[in-house]
Protein backbone atom coordinates (compact mmCIF):
# COMPACT_ATOMS: atom_id res chain seq x y z
CA UNK A 1 102.61 82.06 115.22
CA UNK A 2 100.06 81.68 117.91
CA UNK A 3 100.62 80.24 121.27
CA UNK A 4 100.19 76.62 122.01
CA UNK A 5 96.58 76.58 123.37
CA UNK A 6 95.81 75.34 127.02
CA UNK A 7 93.86 71.81 127.35
CA UNK A 8 90.77 71.19 129.18
CA UNK A 9 92.69 67.99 130.88
CA UNK A 10 92.10 69.53 134.56
CA UNK A 11 88.21 71.03 133.21
CA UNK A 12 87.59 67.01 132.69
CA UNK A 13 88.67 65.20 135.06
CA UNK A 14 86.64 67.53 137.29
CA UNK A 15 83.52 67.30 135.47
CA UNK A 16 84.01 63.59 135.31
CA UNK A 17 84.13 63.13 139.26
CA UNK A 18 80.81 65.66 139.53
CA UNK A 19 81.87 69.12 139.68
CA UNK A 20 79.84 71.32 137.38
CA UNK A 21 80.54 74.59 138.07
CA UNK A 22 84.53 74.14 137.70
CA UNK A 23 86.04 77.90 138.12
CA UNK A 24 90.02 79.06 136.94
CA UNK A 25 91.44 81.45 139.18
CA UNK A 26 94.90 83.86 138.80
CA UNK A 27 95.80 87.26 139.78
CA UNK A 28 97.89 90.11 138.22
CA UNK A 29 100.22 92.72 139.90
CA UNK A 30 101.89 90.45 142.86
CA UNK A 31 105.39 92.37 141.26
CA UNK A 32 104.73 95.35 141.23
CA UNK A 33 105.70 98.49 143.11
CA UNK A 34 102.21 100.75 142.82
CA UNK A 35 98.86 99.75 142.49
CA UNK A 36 96.47 96.49 143.57
CA UNK A 37 96.71 93.18 143.13
CA UNK A 38 93.80 91.67 141.05
CA UNK A 39 91.97 88.27 140.58
CA UNK A 40 89.90 87.02 138.46
CA UNK A 41 87.35 83.64 138.62
CA UNK A 42 86.38 82.19 135.11
CA UNK A 43 83.13 79.63 135.18
CA UNK A 44 82.91 78.67 131.38
CA UNK A 45 79.31 76.54 130.77
CA UNK A 46 80.97 73.22 129.62
CA UNK A 47 79.66 72.33 126.29
CA UNK A 48 80.56 76.20 125.48
CA UNK A 49 84.60 75.46 126.43
CA UNK A 50 83.97 71.80 124.34
CA UNK A 51 82.67 73.90 121.29
CA UNK A 52 85.37 76.90 121.03
CA UNK A 53 88.32 75.24 122.40
CA UNK A 54 89.11 74.97 118.80
CA UNK A 55 87.29 78.04 117.79
CA UNK A 56 86.98 81.52 119.58
CA UNK A 57 89.73 80.12 122.34
CA UNK A 58 91.98 78.67 120.05
CA UNK A 59 95.01 80.88 121.13
CA UNK A 60 93.63 81.57 124.10
CA UNK A 61 96.81 80.95 126.50
CA UNK A 62 98.95 82.94 129.57
CA UNK A 63 98.07 86.48 129.62
CA UNK A 64 102.00 87.03 129.79
CA UNK A 65 102.16 85.19 126.45
CA UNK A 66 99.70 87.38 124.14
CA UNK A 67 100.36 90.62 123.43
CA UNK A 68 98.10 93.77 124.98
CA UNK A 69 95.85 93.76 121.74
CA UNK A 70 95.29 89.93 121.37
CA UNK A 71 94.56 90.12 125.62
CA UNK A 72 91.91 92.85 124.79
CA UNK A 73 90.17 90.33 122.35
CA UNK A 74 89.74 87.98 124.39
CA UNK A 75 88.43 89.82 127.12
CA UNK A 76 86.40 91.40 124.79
CA UNK A 77 85.21 87.75 123.75
CA UNK A 78 85.18 86.55 127.57
CA UNK A 79 83.03 89.59 129.31
CA UNK A 80 80.18 89.39 126.60
CA UNK A 81 79.60 86.01 126.20
CA UNK A 82 76.50 84.75 128.32
CA UNK A 83 78.24 80.94 128.99
CA UNK A 84 81.23 82.72 130.60
CA UNK A 85 80.72 84.13 134.13
CA UNK A 86 83.19 86.07 135.77
CA UNK A 87 84.37 87.47 139.28
CA UNK A 88 86.86 90.32 140.05
CA UNK A 89 88.42 90.61 143.29
CA UNK A 90 91.00 93.65 144.44
CA UNK A 91 93.31 93.97 146.76
CA UNK A 92 94.43 97.40 147.67
CA UNK A 93 97.77 98.96 148.48
CA UNK A 94 96.64 99.33 151.84
CA UNK A 95 95.97 95.99 152.65
CA UNK A 96 98.96 94.99 150.86
CA UNK A 97 101.51 96.97 153.09
CA UNK A 98 99.67 95.52 156.42
CA UNK A 99 99.35 91.81 155.84
CA UNK A 100 102.06 91.56 152.81
CA UNK A 101 101.10 90.83 149.13
CA UNK A 102 100.93 86.99 149.53
CA UNK A 103 98.27 87.33 152.39
CA UNK A 104 96.41 89.98 150.30
CA UNK A 105 96.62 87.78 146.91
CA UNK A 106 94.98 85.17 148.35
CA UNK A 107 92.38 86.93 150.08
CA UNK A 108 91.57 88.74 146.61
CA UNK A 109 91.21 85.31 144.64
CA UNK A 110 88.81 84.49 147.76
CA UNK A 111 86.47 87.80 146.55
CA UNK A 112 87.04 86.98 143.00
CA UNK A 113 85.32 83.55 143.36
CA UNK A 114 82.63 84.83 146.00
CA UNK A 115 82.03 87.49 143.58
CA UNK A 116 80.62 84.53 141.21
CA UNK A 117 77.05 84.19 141.03
CA UNK A 118 77.33 80.89 142.25
CA UNK A 119 79.74 79.81 143.90
CA UNK A 120 81.78 76.94 142.06
CA UNK A 121 81.93 73.51 142.50
CA UNK A 122 85.85 73.24 141.78
CA UNK A 123 88.37 75.80 140.90
CA UNK A 124 91.66 75.65 139.65
CA UNK A 125 94.17 77.82 141.06
CA UNK A 126 97.60 78.79 139.58
CA UNK A 127 100.05 77.93 141.36
CA UNK A 128 100.84 76.88 144.64
CA UNK A 129 98.17 75.64 146.76
CA UNK A 130 95.85 78.47 148.67
CA UNK A 131 94.55 77.68 151.56
CA UNK A 132 91.10 79.29 153.02
CA UNK A 133 89.28 79.48 149.97
CA UNK A 134 85.36 79.66 149.92
CA UNK A 135 84.77 75.95 147.89
CA UNK A 136 87.66 73.28 147.33
CA UNK A 137 90.51 73.53 145.02
CA UNK A 138 93.18 72.24 142.78
CA UNK A 139 96.33 74.11 142.35
CA UNK A 140 97.97 73.56 139.22
CA UNK A 141 102.00 74.77 138.01
CA UNK A 142 101.78 76.79 135.22
CA UNK A 143 98.03 76.59 135.31
CA UNK A 144 97.45 79.60 133.42
CA UNK A 145 98.98 77.64 130.22
CA UNK A 146 97.44 74.55 130.63
CA UNK A 147 93.90 75.48 131.75
CA UNK A 148 91.56 77.30 129.68
CA UNK A 149 89.74 78.18 132.65
CA UNK A 150 92.62 79.83 134.24
CA UNK A 151 94.32 81.40 131.14
CA UNK A 152 90.80 82.64 130.69
CA UNK A 153 91.19 84.31 134.65
CA UNK A 154 94.46 85.25 133.79
CA UNK A 155 93.64 87.72 130.70
CA UNK A 156 90.61 89.14 132.78
CA UNK A 157 92.70 89.80 135.71
CA UNK A 158 95.54 91.17 134.08
CA UNK A 159 93.15 93.85 131.29
CA UNK A 160 91.29 94.68 134.95
CA UNK A 161 94.57 95.45 136.63
CA UNK A 162 95.82 97.75 132.90
CA UNK A 163 92.58 99.76 132.83
CA UNK A 164 93.04 100.69 136.57
CA UNK A 165 97.04 101.88 135.93
CA UNK A 166 95.64 103.35 132.78
CA UNK A 167 93.44 105.34 134.97
CA UNK A 168 95.87 106.20 137.57
CA UNK A 169 98.13 107.58 134.64
CA UNK A 170 95.68 109.85 134.10
CA UNK A 171 95.86 111.63 138.07
CA UNK A 172 99.52 111.15 138.05
CA UNK A 173 101.23 111.37 134.65
CA UNK A 174 104.83 111.93 135.90
CA UNK A 175 104.72 108.39 136.75
CA UNK A 176 104.07 106.71 133.10
CA UNK A 177 102.01 103.98 134.81
CA UNK A 178 100.24 103.99 131.64
CA UNK A 179 103.84 102.54 130.45
CA UNK A 180 104.98 100.25 133.16
CA UNK A 181 101.59 99.67 134.83
CA UNK A 182 103.73 100.08 138.60
CA UNK A 183 106.39 97.46 137.63
CA UNK A 184 110.09 98.73 139.04
CA UNK A 185 111.30 99.93 135.79
CA UNK A 186 114.56 102.40 135.40
CA UNK A 187 111.60 105.00 134.63
CA UNK A 188 109.65 104.49 137.47
CA UNK A 189 112.56 104.53 139.96
CA UNK A 190 113.77 107.62 138.60
CA UNK A 191 110.68 108.81 138.76
CA UNK A 192 109.63 107.55 142.43
CA UNK A 193 113.05 109.28 143.13
CA UNK A 194 112.27 112.82 141.61
CA UNK A 195 108.42 113.17 143.19
CA UNK A 196 108.54 110.65 145.66
CA UNK A 197 106.03 108.23 146.72
CA UNK A 198 102.15 108.23 146.06
CA UNK A 199 99.29 106.76 148.11
CA UNK A 200 98.92 104.00 145.51
CA UNK A 201 102.72 102.70 146.05
CA UNK A 202 103.50 99.81 147.83
CA UNK A 203 105.85 101.25 151.40
CA UNK A 204 106.15 97.35 152.19
CA UNK A 205 108.24 96.82 149.05
CA UNK A 206 111.84 97.45 149.17
CA UNK A 207 112.68 99.47 146.29
CA UNK A 208 110.12 102.27 147.70
CA UNK A 209 111.21 101.91 150.94
CA UNK A 210 114.72 102.50 150.20
CA UNK A 211 113.87 105.53 147.77
CA UNK A 212 112.03 107.22 150.13
CA UNK A 213 115.03 106.64 153.17
CA UNK A 214 117.01 108.13 150.23
CA UNK A 215 114.59 111.09 149.87
CA UNK A 216 114.46 111.41 153.26
CA UNK A 217 118.37 111.98 153.78
CA UNK A 218 118.27 114.24 151.20
CA UNK A 219 115.84 116.83 152.59
CA UNK A 220 117.45 116.27 155.89
CA UNK A 221 121.30 117.30 154.07
CA UNK A 222 119.52 120.32 152.40
CA UNK A 223 117.47 121.13 156.10
CA UNK A 224 121.37 120.94 157.72
CA UNK A 225 122.99 123.05 155.09
CA UNK A 226 120.43 125.72 154.94
CA UNK A 227 120.16 125.88 158.83
CA UNK A 228 124.16 126.49 158.56
CA UNK A 229 124.39 129.30 155.95
CA UNK A 230 121.10 131.06 158.40
CA UNK A 231 123.52 130.59 161.21
CA UNK A 232 126.12 131.71 159.50
CA UNK A 233 124.24 134.69 157.93
CA UNK A 234 122.94 135.64 161.89
CA UNK A 235 126.45 135.99 163.19
CA UNK A 236 127.52 138.18 160.28
CA UNK A 237 124.97 140.64 160.85
CA UNK A 238 125.70 140.39 164.63
CA UNK A 239 129.23 141.40 163.66
């Protein structure tokens, strides 16, 4: 059974007001313990999406409600259609740790909009309002389930980030990034306890910070124990 298709209600309202280029904006990766946050901005040509809302994109919805295969199919359709324009923005782990995940996410959305060939006349943002975007915007709660443009952005952001994490998995297979994509699963937590955090982990996130503290305490205990053993041997040798 396919998911209910998002509507064009918000896009049509904006088109009626004279906004020709309407972008949907969404992000992926706010919650994980590792990797970047990724945002996408998607602009459909009006005639194209009006025609294909019941065709190619009839089951397009929030990326979290789609399987990986469904997301990949929609990603291919979106990226290969000349009637669809896409902008992508990244927020690095360094930035996330320096300014916090919310501020980095908002900057990443601005970058996605700025990466479009032309700045949109208006943007539909998933979730709560975002300040200081480079164009006027409307925030829509659960927008990724209520707007084709936002749903498309959610798919693009999710697939791009997943691809990035799959590449990271090749460099650090011991963490299992290819499976959990950086989220705090039990497997990931156990890998962090065993191997420690990489440069791609968000040390400002509490679980990562606490695990690093645990590992540091363990090292201190081992060092103290080793020092005591070494001292005992020296005393024994003197005797």
